[in-house]
């Protein structure tokens, strides 16, 4: 009997690659949310300041 593809070297490597890719996607999403919150806060601060 052949082992299932999930237990082969390629299956393990593809699973690791998928987890790393998912981790990078979550990390990029968190960075984008932090950047946008800072940007919105800066725009609000600039809007409150009266123009000379």
Protein backbone atom coordinates (compact mmCIF):
# COMPACT_ATOMS: atom_id res chain seq x y z
CA UNK A 1 0.00 0.00 0.00
CA UNK A 2 1.24 3.46 -0.84
CA UNK A 3 1.10 6.08 1.91
CA UNK A 4 -1.32 8.94 1.36
CA UNK A 5 0.12 12.05 -0.37
CA UNK A 6 -0.23 14.02 2.88
CA UNK A 7 2.65 12.05 4.41
CA UNK A 8 5.07 12.34 1.51
CA UNK A 9 7.92 14.85 1.46
CA UNK A 10 6.14 16.95 -1.15
CA UNK A 11 2.93 16.94 0.87
CA UNK A 12 4.77 18.12 3.99
CA UNK A 13 6.63 20.82 2.03
CA UNK A 14 3.46 22.08 0.40
CA UNK A 15 1.72 22.21 3.81
CA UNK A 16 4.62 24.17 5.32
CA UNK A 17 4.65 26.52 2.33
CA UNK A 18 0.89 27.06 2.68
CA UNK A 19 1.20 27.85 6.41
CA UNK A 20 4.07 30.28 5.78
CA UNK A 21 2.10 32.00 3.02
CA UNK A 22 -0.98 32.27 5.24
CA UNK A 23 1.16 33.70 8.05
CA UNK A 24 2.65 36.32 5.74
CA UNK A 25 -0.81 37.26 4.50
CA UNK A 26 -2.06 37.77 8.07
CA UNK A 27 1.07 39.78 8.92
CA UNK A 28 0.58 42.04 5.88
CA UNK A 29 -3.09 42.52 6.79
CA UNK A 30 -2.20 43.56 10.35
CA UNK A 31 0.44 46.00 9.08
CA UNK A 32 -2.05 47.50 6.61
CA UNK A 33 -4.65 47.96 9.36
CA UNK A 34 -2.11 49.66 11.66
CA UNK A 35 -0.90 51.91 8.83
CA UNK A 36 -4.44 52.91 7.85
CA UNK A 37 -5.40 53.69 11.46
CA UNK A 38 -2.34 55.91 11.84
CA UNK A 39 -3.06 57.60 8.49
CA UNK A 40 -6.69 58.27 9.39
CA UNK A 41 -5.65 59.67 12.79
CA UNK A 42 -3.15 61.99 11.06
CA UNK A 43 -5.77 63.18 8.57
CA UNK A 44 -8.25 63.88 11.36
CA UNK A 45 -5.60 65.85 13.24
CA UNK A 46 -4.78 67.85 10.11
CA UNK A 47 -8.47 68.53 9.46
CA UNK A 48 -8.97 69.93 12.96
CA UNK A 49 -6.06 72.33 12.59
CA UNK A 50 -7.24 75.63 11.02
CA UNK A 51 -5.52 76.67 7.82
CA UNK A 52 -3.44 79.87 8.05
